[in-house]
Amino acid sequence: MPNNAISSNNSNKQLTTVDELYQYLDTLFEQDSDSDILFAGGYLRGFISLVATEYGDESQTISVELIEGVSQKLNQAKAELTPQDHAIVTNFWLMTQKRMM
């Protein structure tokens, strides 16, 4: 089911901790996700890990500060990506944020 990883039953669950967010990203690799989703998930996981260490460990609750920190890192890394890849990652991050609020 390509492109449906975002709409699967697992992805309907609200994410409240960093560990749950990591588990969600891991399921994308286990499902038949398309390459754009896999790329965006892997790319974001690095930023999430980096920012999460500033606030606690994997069991911490997802906070506004964590979300804003990841968004800021993603914006700062804009030059590392092609415009198309940046749009893919940004859109995936925005969709993922809806599951955390």
N, C-alpha and C. Protein backbone atom coordinates (compact mmCIF):
# COMPACT_ATOMS: atom_id res chain seq x y z
N MET A 1 0.81 -1.18 0.00
CA MET A 1 0.00 0.00 0.00
C MET A 1 0.86 1.25 0.00
N PRO A 2 1.57 1.53 -1.04
CA PRO A 2 2.39 2.72 -1.14
C PRO A 2 1.59 3.98 -0.86
N ASN A 3 2.26 4.96 -0.27
CA ASN A 3 1.67 6.25 0.07
C ASN A 3 0.59 6.17 1.14
N ASN A 4 0.26 5.00 1.64
CA ASN A 4 -0.79 4.89 2.63
C ASN A 4 -0.26 4.74 4.04
N ALA A 5 1.05 4.78 4.22
CA ALA A 5 1.61 4.62 5.56
C ALA A 5 1.09 5.70 6.49
N ILE A 6 0.88 6.88 5.98
CA ILE A 6 0.41 7.98 6.80
C ILE A 6 -1.03 7.74 7.24
N SER A 7 -1.82 7.08 6.42
CA SER A 7 -3.23 6.91 6.74
C SER A 7 -3.56 5.54 7.32
N SER A 8 -2.58 4.74 7.62
CA SER A 8 -2.84 3.43 8.19
C SER A 8 -3.36 3.55 9.60
N ASN A 9 -3.88 2.46 10.15
CA ASN A 9 -4.41 2.47 11.51
C ASN A 9 -3.38 2.92 12.52
N ASN A 10 -2.14 2.48 12.37
CA ASN A 10 -1.09 2.86 13.30
C ASN A 10 -0.87 4.36 13.30
N SER A 11 -1.02 5.00 12.17
CA SER A 11 -0.74 6.42 12.10
C SER A 11 -1.89 7.27 12.61
N ASN A 12 -3.00 6.67 12.99
CA ASN A 12 -4.10 7.43 13.57
C ASN A 12 -3.91 7.66 15.06
N LYS A 13 -2.98 6.98 15.66
CA LYS A 13 -2.72 7.10 17.09
C LYS A 13 -2.00 8.42 17.38
N GLN A 14 -2.46 9.13 18.41
CA GLN A 14 -1.79 10.35 18.83
C GLN A 14 -0.43 10.01 19.42
N LEU A 15 0.55 10.81 19.08
CA LEU A 15 1.91 10.63 19.58
C LEU A 15 2.11 11.58 20.75
N THR A 16 2.49 11.02 21.91
CA THR A 16 2.65 11.86 23.09
C THR A 16 4.07 11.88 23.63
N THR A 17 4.87 10.88 23.28
CA THR A 17 6.26 10.84 23.76
C THR A 17 7.21 10.72 22.57
N VAL A 18 8.45 11.05 22.81
CA VAL A 18 9.47 10.91 21.77
C VAL A 18 9.59 9.45 21.35
N ASP A 19 9.50 8.54 22.30
CA ASP A 19 9.58 7.11 21.98
C ASP A 19 8.47 6.71 21.02
N GLU A 20 7.26 7.19 21.25
CA GLU A 20 6.15 6.88 20.33
C GLU A 20 6.41 7.47 18.95
N LEU A 21 7.00 8.65 18.91
CA LEU A 21 7.34 9.26 17.62
C LEU A 21 8.37 8.41 16.89
N TYR A 22 9.40 7.95 17.60
CA TYR A 22 10.39 7.06 16.99
C TYR A 22 9.73 5.77 16.48
N GLN A 23 8.82 5.20 17.28
CA GLN A 23 8.14 3.97 16.86
C GLN A 23 7.32 4.21 15.60
N TYR A 24 6.67 5.34 15.54
CA TYR A 24 5.91 5.69 14.34
C TYR A 24 6.82 5.76 13.11
N LEU A 25 7.94 6.46 13.26
CA LEU A 25 8.88 6.57 12.13
C LEU A 25 9.42 5.20 11.74
N ASP A 26 9.67 4.34 12.72
CA ASP A 26 10.15 2.99 12.43
C ASP A 26 9.13 2.19 11.63
N THR A 27 7.84 2.38 11.93
CA THR A 27 6.81 1.62 11.21
C THR A 27 6.78 1.98 9.74
N LEU A 28 7.22 3.18 9.39
CA LEU A 28 7.25 3.57 7.99
C LEU A 28 8.17 2.66 7.19
N PHE A 29 9.25 2.22 7.82
CA PHE A 29 10.20 1.33 7.16
C PHE A 29 9.67 -0.10 7.09
N GLU A 30 8.79 -0.45 8.01
CA GLU A 30 8.22 -1.80 8.03
C GLU A 30 7.06 -1.92 7.06
N GLN A 31 6.43 -0.81 6.73
CA GLN A 31 5.30 -0.81 5.81
C GLN A 31 5.80 -0.56 4.40
N ASP A 32 4.91 -0.64 3.48
CA ASP A 32 5.25 -0.43 2.08
C ASP A 32 5.16 1.06 1.74
N SER A 33 5.93 1.87 2.46
CA SER A 33 5.92 3.32 2.26
C SER A 33 6.74 3.69 1.04
N ASP A 34 6.36 4.79 0.40
CA ASP A 34 7.13 5.20 -0.77
C ASP A 34 8.45 5.85 -0.34
N SER A 35 9.32 6.03 -1.30
CA SER A 35 10.68 6.50 -1.00
C SER A 35 10.69 7.92 -0.43
N ASP A 36 9.75 8.77 -0.82
CA ASP A 36 9.70 10.12 -0.27
C ASP A 36 9.39 10.10 1.22
N ILE A 37 8.45 9.28 1.63
CA ILE A 37 8.09 9.17 3.05
C ILE A 37 9.26 8.59 3.83
N LEU A 38 9.91 7.58 3.29
CA LEU A 38 11.06 6.98 3.98
C LEU A 38 12.19 8.00 4.13
N PHE A 39 12.45 8.76 3.07
CA PHE A 39 13.48 9.78 3.12
C PHE A 39 13.14 10.83 4.18
N ALA A 40 11.93 11.34 4.15
CA ALA A 40 11.52 12.38 5.09
C ALA A 40 11.57 11.88 6.52
N GLY A 41 11.09 10.66 6.76
CA GLY A 41 11.12 10.11 8.10
C GLY A 41 12.52 9.93 8.64
N GLY A 42 13.41 9.42 7.81
CA GLY A 42 14.80 9.23 8.23
C GLY A 42 15.51 10.55 8.46
N TYR A 43 15.26 11.51 7.60
CA TYR A 43 15.89 12.82 7.72
C TYR A 43 15.43 13.51 9.00
N LEU A 44 14.13 13.48 9.24
CA LEU A 44 13.60 14.12 10.45
C LEU A 44 14.04 13.44 11.73
N ARG A 45 14.19 12.13 11.69
CA ARG A 45 14.59 11.42 12.89
C ARG A 45 15.92 11.96 13.44
N GLY A 46 16.83 12.31 12.57
CA GLY A 46 18.10 12.88 13.02
C GLY A 46 17.90 14.19 13.78
N PHE A 47 17.04 15.05 13.26
CA PHE A 47 16.76 16.31 13.94
C PHE A 47 16.01 16.09 15.25
N ILE A 48 15.09 15.15 15.24
CA ILE A 48 14.33 14.86 16.46
C ILE A 48 15.29 14.38 17.54
N SER A 49 16.20 13.47 17.18
CA SER A 49 17.18 12.97 18.15
C SER A 49 18.04 14.09 18.69
N LEU A 50 18.50 14.95 17.81
CA LEU A 50 19.36 16.06 18.21
C LEU A 50 18.64 16.99 19.18
N VAL A 51 17.43 17.38 18.85
CA VAL A 51 16.68 18.31 19.70
C VAL A 51 16.21 17.63 20.98
N ALA A 52 15.79 16.38 20.88
CA ALA A 52 15.28 15.68 22.06
C ALA A 52 16.33 15.57 23.17
N THR A 53 17.59 15.43 22.81
CA THR A 53 18.63 15.31 23.83
C THR A 53 18.77 16.60 24.64
N GLU A 54 18.31 17.72 24.10
CA GLU A 54 18.35 18.98 24.82
C GLU A 54 17.32 19.04 25.94
N TYR A 55 16.26 18.23 25.83
CA TYR A 55 15.14 18.31 26.76
C TYR A 55 14.95 17.07 27.63
N GLY A 56 15.62 15.98 27.32
CA GLY A 56 15.43 14.76 28.10
C GLY A 56 15.78 13.53 27.29
N ASP A 57 15.07 12.44 27.58
CA ASP A 57 15.33 11.19 26.88
C ASP A 57 14.12 10.79 26.05
N GLU A 58 14.11 9.54 25.57
CA GLU A 58 13.04 9.08 24.69
C GLU A 58 11.68 9.00 25.39
N SER A 59 11.67 8.93 26.72
CA SER A 59 10.41 8.81 27.43
C SER A 59 9.74 10.16 27.67
N GLN A 60 10.42 11.25 27.30
CA GLN A 60 9.86 12.58 27.53
C GLN A 60 8.62 12.82 26.69
N THR A 61 7.74 13.62 27.24
CA THR A 61 6.54 14.02 26.52
C THR A 61 6.94 15.01 25.43
N ILE A 62 6.30 14.89 24.29
CA ILE A 62 6.55 15.82 23.20
C ILE A 62 6.04 17.19 23.62
N SER A 63 6.91 18.17 23.56
CA SER A 63 6.57 19.52 24.00
C SER A 63 6.58 20.48 22.82
N VAL A 64 5.99 21.64 23.05
CA VAL A 64 6.01 22.70 22.04
C VAL A 64 7.45 23.07 21.74
N GLU A 65 8.30 23.11 22.76
CA GLU A 65 9.71 23.46 22.56
C GLU A 65 10.41 22.45 21.66
N LEU A 66 10.11 21.18 21.84
CA LEU A 66 10.71 20.15 21.00
C LEU A 66 10.26 20.31 19.55
N ILE A 67 8.97 20.50 19.35
CA ILE A 67 8.43 20.67 18.00
C ILE A 67 9.04 21.90 17.34
N GLU A 68 9.09 23.00 18.08
CA GLU A 68 9.68 24.22 17.52
C GLU A 68 11.17 24.05 17.24
N GLY A 69 11.87 23.32 18.10
CA GLY A 69 13.30 23.07 17.89
C GLY A 69 13.56 22.28 16.63
N VAL A 70 12.76 21.24 16.40
CA VAL A 70 12.91 20.44 15.17
C VAL A 70 12.58 21.31 13.95
N SER A 71 11.53 22.10 14.04
CA SER A 71 11.16 22.98 12.94
C SER A 71 12.28 23.97 12.63
N GLN A 72 12.89 24.50 13.66
CA GLN A 72 13.99 25.45 13.48
C GLN A 72 15.19 24.77 12.81
N LYS A 73 15.55 23.56 13.28
CA LYS A 73 16.67 22.83 12.68
C LYS A 73 16.38 22.52 11.22
N LEU A 74 15.15 22.14 10.93
CA LEU A 74 14.78 21.85 9.55
C LEU A 74 14.90 23.10 8.68
N ASN A 75 14.47 24.22 9.19
CA ASN A 75 14.58 25.47 8.44
C ASN A 75 16.05 25.86 8.22
N GLN A 76 16.89 25.65 9.24
CA GLN A 76 18.31 25.96 9.12
C GLN A 76 19.01 25.06 8.11
N ALA A 77 18.49 23.86 7.91
CA ALA A 77 19.11 22.89 7.01
C ALA A 77 18.58 23.00 5.58
N LYS A 78 17.80 24.01 5.32
CA LYS A 78 17.16 24.16 4.00
C LYS A 78 18.17 24.10 2.86
N ALA A 79 19.34 24.67 3.07
CA ALA A 79 20.36 24.70 2.01
C ALA A 79 20.95 23.31 1.72
N GLU A 80 20.78 22.37 2.65
CA GLU A 80 21.31 21.02 2.46
C GLU A 80 20.47 20.21 1.48
N LEU A 81 19.25 20.62 1.27
CA LEU A 81 18.31 19.86 0.45
C LEU A 81 17.97 20.59 -0.83
N THR A 82 17.56 19.82 -1.83
CA THR A 82 17.00 20.45 -3.02
C THR A 82 15.66 21.06 -2.61
N PRO A 83 15.16 22.02 -3.35
CA PRO A 83 13.85 22.59 -3.01
C PRO A 83 12.75 21.52 -2.93
N GLN A 84 12.80 20.56 -3.83
CA GLN A 84 11.79 19.49 -3.82
C GLN A 84 11.92 18.63 -2.56
N ASP A 85 13.14 18.24 -2.20
CA ASP A 85 13.34 17.43 -1.00
C ASP A 85 12.95 18.21 0.26
N HIS A 86 13.28 19.50 0.30
CA HIS A 86 12.89 20.31 1.45
C HIS A 86 11.37 20.36 1.59
N ALA A 87 10.67 20.48 0.48
CA ALA A 87 9.20 20.50 0.50
C ALA A 87 8.65 19.16 0.99
N ILE A 88 9.26 18.06 0.55
CA ILE A 88 8.82 16.72 0.98
C ILE A 88 8.99 16.57 2.48
N VAL A 89 10.16 16.94 2.99
CA VAL A 89 10.43 16.80 4.42
C VAL A 89 9.54 17.74 5.23
N THR A 90 9.40 18.97 4.79
CA THR A 90 8.57 19.94 5.50
C THR A 90 7.12 19.49 5.55
N ASN A 91 6.59 19.03 4.43
CA ASN A 91 5.20 18.56 4.40
C ASN A 91 5.00 17.35 5.30
N PHE A 92 5.96 16.43 5.29
CA PHE A 92 5.86 15.27 6.16
C PHE A 92 5.90 15.70 7.62
N TRP A 93 6.78 16.65 7.96
CA TRP A 93 6.88 17.14 9.34
C TRP A 93 5.57 17.81 9.77
N LEU A 94 4.96 18.59 8.89
CA LEU A 94 3.69 19.23 9.21
C LEU A 94 2.59 18.20 9.44
N MET A 95 2.54 17.16 8.63
CA MET A 95 1.56 16.09 8.81
C MET A 95 1.80 15.35 10.11
N THR A 96 3.05 15.12 10.43
CA THR A 96 3.39 14.41 11.67
C THR A 96 3.04 15.25 12.89
N GLN A 97 3.26 16.55 12.81
CA GLN A 97 2.92 17.43 13.92
C GLN A 97 1.44 17.37 14.28
N LYS A 98 0.58 17.18 13.30
CA LYS A 98 -0.86 17.09 13.57
C LYS A 98 -1.18 15.92 14.48
N ARG A 99 -0.34 14.91 14.46
CA ARG A 99 -0.55 13.73 15.30
C ARG A 99 -0.02 13.94 16.71
N MET A 100 0.69 15.05 16.93
CA MET A 100 1.27 15.32 18.23
C MET A 100 0.48 16.39 18.98
N MET A 101 -0.51 16.99 18.36
CA MET A 101 -1.23 18.10 18.99
C MET A 101 -2.63 17.69 19.40
